[in-house]
Amino acid sequence: MLSLQFIREHADVVRKSLDDRRTPGPLDEILELDVRRRDLLSETERLRAEQNAAGKKIGAAKDPAERQRMIAEMKGVSERIDELAPALREAEERLNALVMEIPNIPDASTPLGAD
């Protein structure tokens, strides 16, 4: 099985391998889904970092009204993280399933067959 990183970094080699084998493969879908997954992951991590930084500020805030305002803001961030989680999980599951459909790359010394 090829790793997602290898597929991402060597898409041209994987595409040639699929063409040489005359095997259809979901390479384009994998690459698109990988970009989407990475975007979702990046957004989730950014929001979590924002949430962690705000947690420290909330703990240090002396004014109760200010604390409540910050907590309300972070509730929106928390809700956004909860919205992204299923989409991220779905993208990862679909991506893993598609990667399993890509065959290994044959050795360069392997002759191309008629079929």
N, C-alpha and C. Protein backbone atom coordinates (compact mmCIF):
# COMPACT_ATOMS: atom_id res chain seq x y z
N MET A 1 0.84 -1.18 0.00
CA MET A 1 0.00 0.00 0.00
C MET A 1 0.89 1.24 0.00
N LEU A 2 0.51 2.20 -0.80
CA LEU A 2 1.24 3.46 -0.88
C LEU A 2 0.74 4.40 0.22
N SER A 3 1.65 5.17 0.76
CA SER A 3 1.25 6.14 1.78
C SER A 3 0.64 7.36 1.09
N LEU A 4 -0.19 8.04 1.84
CA LEU A 4 -0.81 9.25 1.32
C LEU A 4 0.26 10.29 0.99
N GLN A 5 1.27 10.38 1.82
CA GLN A 5 2.35 11.33 1.57
C GLN A 5 3.05 11.02 0.25
N PHE A 6 3.32 9.74 -0.01
CA PHE A 6 3.97 9.36 -1.27
C PHE A 6 3.07 9.72 -2.45
N ILE A 7 1.79 9.42 -2.33
CA ILE A 7 0.85 9.73 -3.41
C ILE A 7 0.82 11.24 -3.66
N ARG A 8 0.80 12.02 -2.60
CA ARG A 8 0.76 13.48 -2.72
C ARG A 8 2.03 14.01 -3.38
N GLU A 9 3.18 13.50 -2.94
CA GLU A 9 4.46 14.03 -3.42
C GLU A 9 4.86 13.48 -4.78
N HIS A 10 4.32 12.33 -5.16
CA HIS A 10 4.71 11.69 -6.42
C HIS A 10 3.48 11.31 -7.24
N ALA A 11 2.56 12.24 -7.35
CA ALA A 11 1.31 11.97 -8.07
C ALA A 11 1.58 11.59 -9.52
N ASP A 12 2.59 12.19 -10.14
CA ASP A 12 2.89 11.87 -11.53
C ASP A 12 3.37 10.42 -11.67
N VAL A 13 4.16 9.94 -10.73
CA VAL A 13 4.64 8.55 -10.76
C VAL A 13 3.47 7.59 -10.56
N VAL A 14 2.59 7.92 -9.63
CA VAL A 14 1.43 7.07 -9.37
C VAL A 14 0.51 7.06 -10.59
N ARG A 15 0.30 8.22 -11.20
CA ARG A 15 -0.56 8.29 -12.39
C ARG A 15 0.02 7.45 -13.53
N LYS A 16 1.35 7.53 -13.73
CA LYS A 16 1.99 6.73 -14.78
C LYS A 16 1.84 5.24 -14.48
N SER A 17 1.99 4.87 -13.22
CA SER A 17 1.84 3.48 -12.83
C SER A 17 0.42 2.98 -13.13
N LEU A 18 -0.57 3.80 -12.81
CA LEU A 18 -1.95 3.43 -13.10
C LEU A 18 -2.17 3.30 -14.61
N ASP A 19 -1.60 4.22 -15.38
CA ASP A 19 -1.73 4.16 -16.83
C ASP A 19 -1.04 2.92 -17.39
N ASP A 20 0.17 2.64 -16.89
CA ASP A 20 0.91 1.46 -17.35
C ASP A 20 0.15 0.17 -17.05
N ARG A 21 -0.51 0.13 -15.93
CA ARG A 21 -1.27 -1.06 -15.54
C ARG A 21 -2.65 -1.09 -16.23
N ARG A 22 -2.99 0.01 -16.87
CA ARG A 22 -4.32 0.17 -17.46
C ARG A 22 -5.40 -0.06 -16.38
N THR A 23 -5.11 0.53 -15.24
CA THR A 23 -5.99 0.39 -14.08
C THR A 23 -6.56 1.76 -13.73
N PRO A 24 -7.87 1.87 -13.69
CA PRO A 24 -8.42 3.15 -13.23
C PRO A 24 -8.18 3.28 -11.73
N GLY A 25 -7.89 4.45 -11.31
CA GLY A 25 -7.67 4.68 -9.88
C GLY A 25 -8.19 6.05 -9.51
N PRO A 26 -8.61 6.22 -8.29
CA PRO A 26 -9.20 7.49 -7.85
C PRO A 26 -8.15 8.54 -7.47
N LEU A 27 -7.10 8.66 -8.26
CA LEU A 27 -5.99 9.55 -7.91
C LEU A 27 -6.43 11.00 -7.78
N ASP A 28 -7.18 11.51 -8.74
CA ASP A 28 -7.60 12.91 -8.69
C ASP A 28 -8.50 13.16 -7.47
N GLU A 29 -9.38 12.22 -7.20
CA GLU A 29 -10.26 12.37 -6.03
C GLU A 29 -9.44 12.34 -4.74
N ILE A 30 -8.43 11.48 -4.69
CA ILE A 30 -7.55 11.41 -3.51
C ILE A 30 -6.86 12.75 -3.30
N LEU A 31 -6.31 13.31 -4.36
CA LEU A 31 -5.57 14.57 -4.24
C LEU A 31 -6.49 15.71 -3.81
N GLU A 32 -7.70 15.76 -4.37
CA GLU A 32 -8.66 16.80 -3.99
C GLU A 32 -9.11 16.63 -2.53
N LEU A 33 -9.39 15.39 -2.16
CA LEU A 33 -9.84 15.11 -0.80
C LEU A 33 -8.73 15.37 0.22
N ASP A 34 -7.49 15.12 -0.19
CA ASP A 34 -6.36 15.38 0.69
C ASP A 34 -6.24 16.88 0.97
N VAL A 35 -6.43 17.69 -0.05
CA VAL A 35 -6.39 19.15 0.14
C VAL A 35 -7.51 19.58 1.09
N ARG A 36 -8.69 19.05 0.87
CA ARG A 36 -9.83 19.38 1.74
C ARG A 36 -9.56 18.95 3.18
N ARG A 37 -9.06 17.75 3.37
CA ARG A 37 -8.77 17.24 4.71
C ARG A 37 -7.72 18.11 5.40
N ARG A 38 -6.70 18.48 4.65
CA ARG A 38 -5.64 19.31 5.23
C ARG A 38 -6.16 20.70 5.59
N ASP A 39 -7.06 21.24 4.78
CA ASP A 39 -7.67 22.54 5.10
C ASP A 39 -8.52 22.44 6.37
N LEU A 40 -9.33 21.37 6.45
CA LEU A 40 -10.16 21.17 7.64
C LEU A 40 -9.31 20.99 8.89
N LEU A 41 -8.25 20.22 8.76
CA LEU A 41 -7.36 19.98 9.89
C LEU A 41 -6.68 21.27 10.33
N SER A 42 -6.23 22.04 9.38
CA SER A 42 -5.58 23.32 9.68
C SER A 42 -6.54 24.27 10.39
N GLU A 43 -7.75 24.36 9.89
CA GLU A 43 -8.76 25.23 10.50
C GLU A 43 -9.08 24.75 11.93
N THR A 44 -9.23 23.45 12.11
CA THR A 44 -9.52 22.90 13.44
C THR A 44 -8.38 23.20 14.41
N GLU A 45 -7.16 23.00 13.97
CA GLU A 45 -6.01 23.26 14.84
C GLU A 45 -5.89 24.74 15.17
N ARG A 46 -6.18 25.60 14.20
CA ARG A 46 -6.13 27.04 14.45
C ARG A 46 -7.17 27.44 15.50
N LEU A 47 -8.37 26.88 15.36
CA LEU A 47 -9.44 27.19 16.32
C LEU A 47 -9.10 26.66 17.72
N ARG A 48 -8.51 25.48 17.78
CA ARG A 48 -8.12 24.93 19.09
C ARG A 48 -7.03 25.78 19.74
N ALA A 49 -6.09 26.26 18.94
CA ALA A 49 -5.05 27.13 19.48
C ALA A 49 -5.67 28.43 20.00
N GLU A 50 -6.63 28.95 19.25
CA GLU A 50 -7.33 30.16 19.68
C GLU A 50 -8.08 29.90 20.99
N GLN A 51 -8.70 28.74 21.07
CA GLN A 51 -9.44 28.35 22.26
C GLN A 51 -8.50 28.22 23.47
N ASN A 52 -7.35 27.62 23.27
CA ASN A 52 -6.38 27.46 24.36
C ASN A 52 -5.85 28.81 24.83
N ALA A 53 -5.53 29.68 23.89
CA ALA A 53 -5.03 31.01 24.26
C ALA A 53 -6.10 31.80 25.01
N ALA A 54 -7.33 31.68 24.57
CA ALA A 54 -8.43 32.39 25.23
C ALA A 54 -8.66 31.82 26.63
N GLY A 55 -8.48 30.53 26.80
CA GLY A 55 -8.64 29.92 28.12
C GLY A 55 -7.69 30.53 29.13
N LYS A 56 -6.48 30.79 28.70
CA LYS A 56 -5.51 31.43 29.59
C LYS A 56 -5.93 32.87 29.91
N LYS A 57 -6.42 33.58 28.90
CA LYS A 57 -6.86 34.96 29.12
C LYS A 57 -8.08 35.01 30.04
N ILE A 58 -8.98 34.04 29.86
CA ILE A 58 -10.17 33.99 30.70
C ILE A 58 -9.77 33.76 32.16
N GLY A 59 -8.82 32.86 32.36
CA GLY A 59 -8.35 32.59 33.71
C GLY A 59 -7.68 33.79 34.35
N ALA A 60 -7.05 34.62 33.55
CA ALA A 60 -6.34 35.79 34.07
C ALA A 60 -7.24 37.02 34.19
N ALA A 61 -8.40 36.99 33.55
CA ALA A 61 -9.30 38.16 33.57
C ALA A 61 -9.85 38.36 34.97
N LYS A 62 -9.85 39.60 35.42
CA LYS A 62 -10.32 39.92 36.77
C LYS A 62 -11.79 40.36 36.75
N ASP A 63 -12.20 41.01 35.68
CA ASP A 63 -13.56 41.52 35.58
C ASP A 63 -14.52 40.40 35.18
N PRO A 64 -15.53 40.10 36.00
CA PRO A 64 -16.48 39.02 35.68
C PRO A 64 -17.23 39.25 34.37
N ALA A 65 -17.56 40.49 34.06
CA ALA A 65 -18.27 40.78 32.81
C ALA A 65 -17.38 40.47 31.61
N GLU A 66 -16.12 40.82 31.73
CA GLU A 66 -15.16 40.53 30.66
C GLU A 66 -15.00 39.02 30.48
N ARG A 67 -14.95 38.32 31.60
CA ARG A 67 -14.85 36.85 31.54
C ARG A 67 -16.04 36.25 30.80
N GLN A 68 -17.23 36.70 31.14
CA GLN A 68 -18.44 36.17 30.51
C GLN A 68 -18.45 36.47 29.01
N ARG A 69 -17.99 37.65 28.63
CA ARG A 69 -17.93 38.00 27.21
C ARG A 69 -16.96 37.07 26.48
N MET A 70 -15.80 36.83 27.09
CA MET A 70 -14.81 35.95 26.47
C MET A 70 -15.31 34.51 26.39
N ILE A 71 -16.00 34.07 27.43
CA ILE A 71 -16.56 32.72 27.43
C ILE A 71 -17.59 32.58 26.31
N ALA A 72 -18.43 33.60 26.13
CA ALA A 72 -19.44 33.57 25.07
C ALA A 72 -18.77 33.51 23.69
N GLU A 73 -17.69 34.25 23.51
CA GLU A 73 -16.96 34.21 22.23
C GLU A 73 -16.40 32.81 21.98
N MET A 74 -15.84 32.22 23.01
CA MET A 74 -15.23 30.91 22.86
C MET A 74 -16.27 29.81 22.65
N LYS A 75 -17.49 30.07 23.08
CA LYS A 75 -18.56 29.10 22.83
C LYS A 75 -18.78 28.97 21.32
N GLY A 76 -18.72 30.10 20.62
CA GLY A 76 -18.85 30.09 19.16
C GLY A 76 -17.70 29.33 18.51
N VAL A 77 -16.50 29.50 19.04
CA VAL A 77 -15.33 28.78 18.52
C VAL A 77 -15.50 27.28 18.76
N SER A 78 -15.97 26.94 19.95
CA SER A 78 -16.19 25.53 20.29
C SER A 78 -17.24 24.90 19.37
N GLU A 79 -18.29 25.65 19.09
CA GLU A 79 -19.33 25.15 18.19
C GLU A 79 -18.78 24.94 16.78
N ARG A 80 -17.93 25.84 16.33
CA ARG A 80 -17.32 25.70 15.00
C ARG A 80 -16.43 24.46 14.95
N ILE A 81 -15.68 24.20 16.01
CA ILE A 81 -14.84 23.00 16.07
C ILE A 81 -15.73 21.76 15.99
N ASP A 82 -16.85 21.79 16.71
CA ASP A 82 -17.78 20.66 16.68
C ASP A 82 -18.40 20.46 15.30
N GLU A 83 -18.58 21.55 14.55
CA GLU A 83 -19.10 21.44 13.19
C GLU A 83 -18.07 20.83 12.24
N LEU A 84 -16.81 21.18 12.44
CA LEU A 84 -15.74 20.70 11.56
C LEU A 84 -15.38 19.24 11.82
N ALA A 85 -15.54 18.77 13.04
CA ALA A 85 -15.11 17.42 13.41
C ALA A 85 -15.73 16.33 12.54
N PRO A 86 -17.04 16.31 12.31
CA PRO A 86 -17.60 15.24 11.47
C PRO A 86 -17.11 15.32 10.02
N ALA A 87 -16.97 16.52 9.49
CA ALA A 87 -16.48 16.68 8.12
C ALA A 87 -15.05 16.18 8.00
N LEU A 88 -14.24 16.48 9.00
CA LEU A 88 -12.86 16.02 9.01
C LEU A 88 -12.80 14.50 9.12
N ARG A 89 -13.58 13.93 10.01
CA ARG A 89 -13.61 12.47 10.18
C ARG A 89 -14.07 11.78 8.89
N GLU A 90 -15.11 12.34 8.26
CA GLU A 90 -15.62 11.77 7.02
C GLU A 90 -14.57 11.84 5.91
N ALA A 91 -13.88 12.98 5.81
CA ALA A 91 -12.84 13.14 4.79
C ALA A 91 -11.71 12.15 5.02
N GLU A 92 -11.31 11.96 6.28
CA GLU A 92 -10.23 11.02 6.58
C GLU A 92 -10.63 9.58 6.26
N GLU A 93 -11.86 9.21 6.61
CA GLU A 93 -12.33 7.85 6.34
C GLU A 93 -12.40 7.59 4.84
N ARG A 94 -12.96 8.54 4.10
CA ARG A 94 -13.07 8.39 2.64
C ARG A 94 -11.69 8.34 2.01
N LEU A 95 -10.80 9.18 2.47
CA LEU A 95 -9.44 9.23 1.94
C LEU A 95 -8.73 7.91 2.19
N ASN A 96 -8.85 7.37 3.38
CA ASN A 96 -8.21 6.08 3.69
C ASN A 96 -8.75 4.97 2.80
N ALA A 97 -10.06 4.99 2.55
CA ALA A 97 -10.66 3.97 1.68
C ALA A 97 -10.14 4.11 0.25
N LEU A 98 -10.03 5.33 -0.24
CA LEU A 98 -9.56 5.55 -1.61
C LEU A 98 -8.09 5.18 -1.77
N VAL A 99 -7.28 5.49 -0.78
CA VAL A 99 -5.85 5.16 -0.85
C VAL A 99 -5.67 3.65 -0.96
N MET A 100 -6.56 2.89 -0.33
CA MET A 100 -6.48 1.43 -0.39
C MET A 100 -6.73 0.91 -1.82
N GLU A 101 -7.37 1.71 -2.65
CA GLU A 101 -7.67 1.29 -4.02
C GLU A 101 -6.50 1.49 -4.98
N ILE A 102 -5.48 2.22 -4.55
CA ILE A 102 -4.32 2.48 -5.41
C ILE A 102 -3.35 1.31 -5.28
N PRO A 103 -3.04 0.64 -6.39
CA PRO A 103 -2.11 -0.48 -6.31
C PRO A 103 -0.67 0.00 -6.12
N ASN A 104 0.17 -0.90 -5.65
CA ASN A 104 1.59 -0.57 -5.51
C ASN A 104 2.18 -0.28 -6.89
N ILE A 105 3.28 0.43 -6.89
CA ILE A 105 3.97 0.75 -8.13
C ILE A 105 4.85 -0.43 -8.51
N PRO A 106 4.71 -0.93 -9.74
CA PRO A 106 5.55 -2.08 -10.13
C PRO A 106 7.02 -1.67 -10.26
N ASP A 107 7.88 -2.63 -10.07
CA ASP A 107 9.31 -2.38 -10.22
C ASP A 107 9.59 -1.92 -11.64
N ALA A 108 10.58 -1.05 -11.79
CA ALA A 108 10.92 -0.50 -13.11
C ALA A 108 11.34 -1.59 -14.09
N SER A 109 11.85 -2.71 -13.58
CA SER A 109 12.29 -3.79 -14.47
C SER A 109 11.13 -4.68 -14.93
N THR A 110 9.95 -4.48 -14.38
CA THR A 110 8.80 -5.28 -14.77
C THR A 110 8.32 -4.85 -16.15
N PRO A 111 8.24 -5.79 -17.09
CA PRO A 111 7.78 -5.42 -18.43
C PRO A 111 6.29 -5.11 -18.43
N LEU A 112 5.90 -4.19 -19.32
CA LEU A 112 4.49 -3.87 -19.47
C LEU A 112 3.82 -5.01 -20.21
N GLY A 113 2.70 -5.46 -19.70
CA GLY A 113 1.99 -6.57 -20.32
C GLY A 113 1.02 -6.10 -21.37
N ALA A 114 0.47 -7.04 -22.10
CA ALA A 114 -0.50 -6.72 -23.14
C ALA A 114 -1.85 -6.36 -22.53
N ASP A 115 -2.11 -6.83 -21.33
CA ASP A 115 -3.40 -6.50 -20.72
C ASP A 115 -3.28 -6.03 -19.33
